Amino acid sequence: MENLKLTLLENAHDFMKSAVEEAEKDDKRYWKYAILNLSIGLELLMQNVLKNF
C-alpha cells in the first residue's frame, strides 16, 4: 500500500472539496458530513497560517 502525504493546505482543500460534494447530495442527512468536513478544512487552514506565522 502506498503512503499518501499531503501538506496542511492540500489536506484542507481536500476536506473543503468533500464538504461541497456532500452538500450537493439530495439527501439532507449528508449535511452533517458537509459541515463536519468544512469545519475540519477551516481548522487545517488556520493551522497552516499559524505554522507559517
Protein backbone atom coordinates (compact mmCIF):
# COMPACT_ATOMS: atom_id res chain seq x y z
CA MET A 1 0.00 0.00 0.00
CA GLU A 2 1.29 3.42 -0.99
CA ASN A 3 1.65 6.18 1.62
CA LEU A 4 -0.25 9.36 0.91
CA LYS A 5 1.42 12.59 2.03
CA LEU A 6 -0.43 15.88 1.90
CA THR A 7 0.53 19.31 3.15
CA LEU A 8 -1.81 21.11 5.55
CA LEU A 9 -3.04 23.25 2.67
CA GLU A 10 -3.65 20.27 0.38
CA ASN A 11 -5.46 18.44 3.15
CA ALA A 12 -7.61 21.49 3.90
CA HIS A 13 -8.52 21.78 0.23
CA ASP A 14 -9.45 18.09 0.11
CA PHE A 15 -11.75 18.39 3.15
CA MET A 16 -13.42 21.52 1.76
CA LYS A 17 -13.91 19.85 -1.62
CA SER A 18 -15.51 16.88 0.16
CA ALA A 19 -17.76 19.27 2.07
CA VAL A 20 -19.10 20.72 -1.19
CA GLU A 21 -19.63 17.24 -2.65
CA GLU A 22 -21.59 16.16 0.43
CA ALA A 23 -23.70 19.34 0.44
CA GLU A 24 -24.69 18.81 -3.20
CA LYS A 25 -26.29 15.42 -2.48
CA ASP A 26 -30.08 15.24 -2.48
CA ASP A 27 -30.40 13.58 0.93
CA LYS A 28 -30.26 16.19 3.71
CA ARG A 29 -28.62 13.64 6.04
CA TYR A 30 -25.34 14.38 4.26
CA TRP A 31 -25.35 17.97 5.50
CA LYS A 32 -23.84 16.87 8.82
CA TYR A 33 -20.87 15.44 6.91
CA ALA A 34 -20.61 18.61 4.83
CA ILE A 35 -20.47 20.75 7.97
CA LEU A 36 -18.00 18.40 9.65
CA ASN A 37 -15.69 18.37 6.62
CA LEU A 38 -15.94 22.14 6.25
CA SER A 39 -15.01 22.72 9.89
CA ILE A 40 -12.02 20.37 9.61
CA GLY A 41 -10.92 22.13 6.42
CA LEU A 42 -11.10 25.53 8.13
CA GLU A 43 -9.16 24.22 11.12
CA LEU A 44 -6.42 22.93 8.82
CA LEU A 45 -6.28 26.31 7.07
CA MET A 46 -5.83 28.05 10.42
CA GLN A 47 -3.11 25.57 11.38
CA ASN A 48 -1.32 26.36 8.13
CA VAL A 49 -1.50 30.10 8.86
CA LEU A 50 -0.11 29.58 12.36
CA LYS A 51 2.63 27.28 11.08
CA ASN A 52 3.79 29.98 8.66
CA PHE A 53 3.43 32.85 11.17
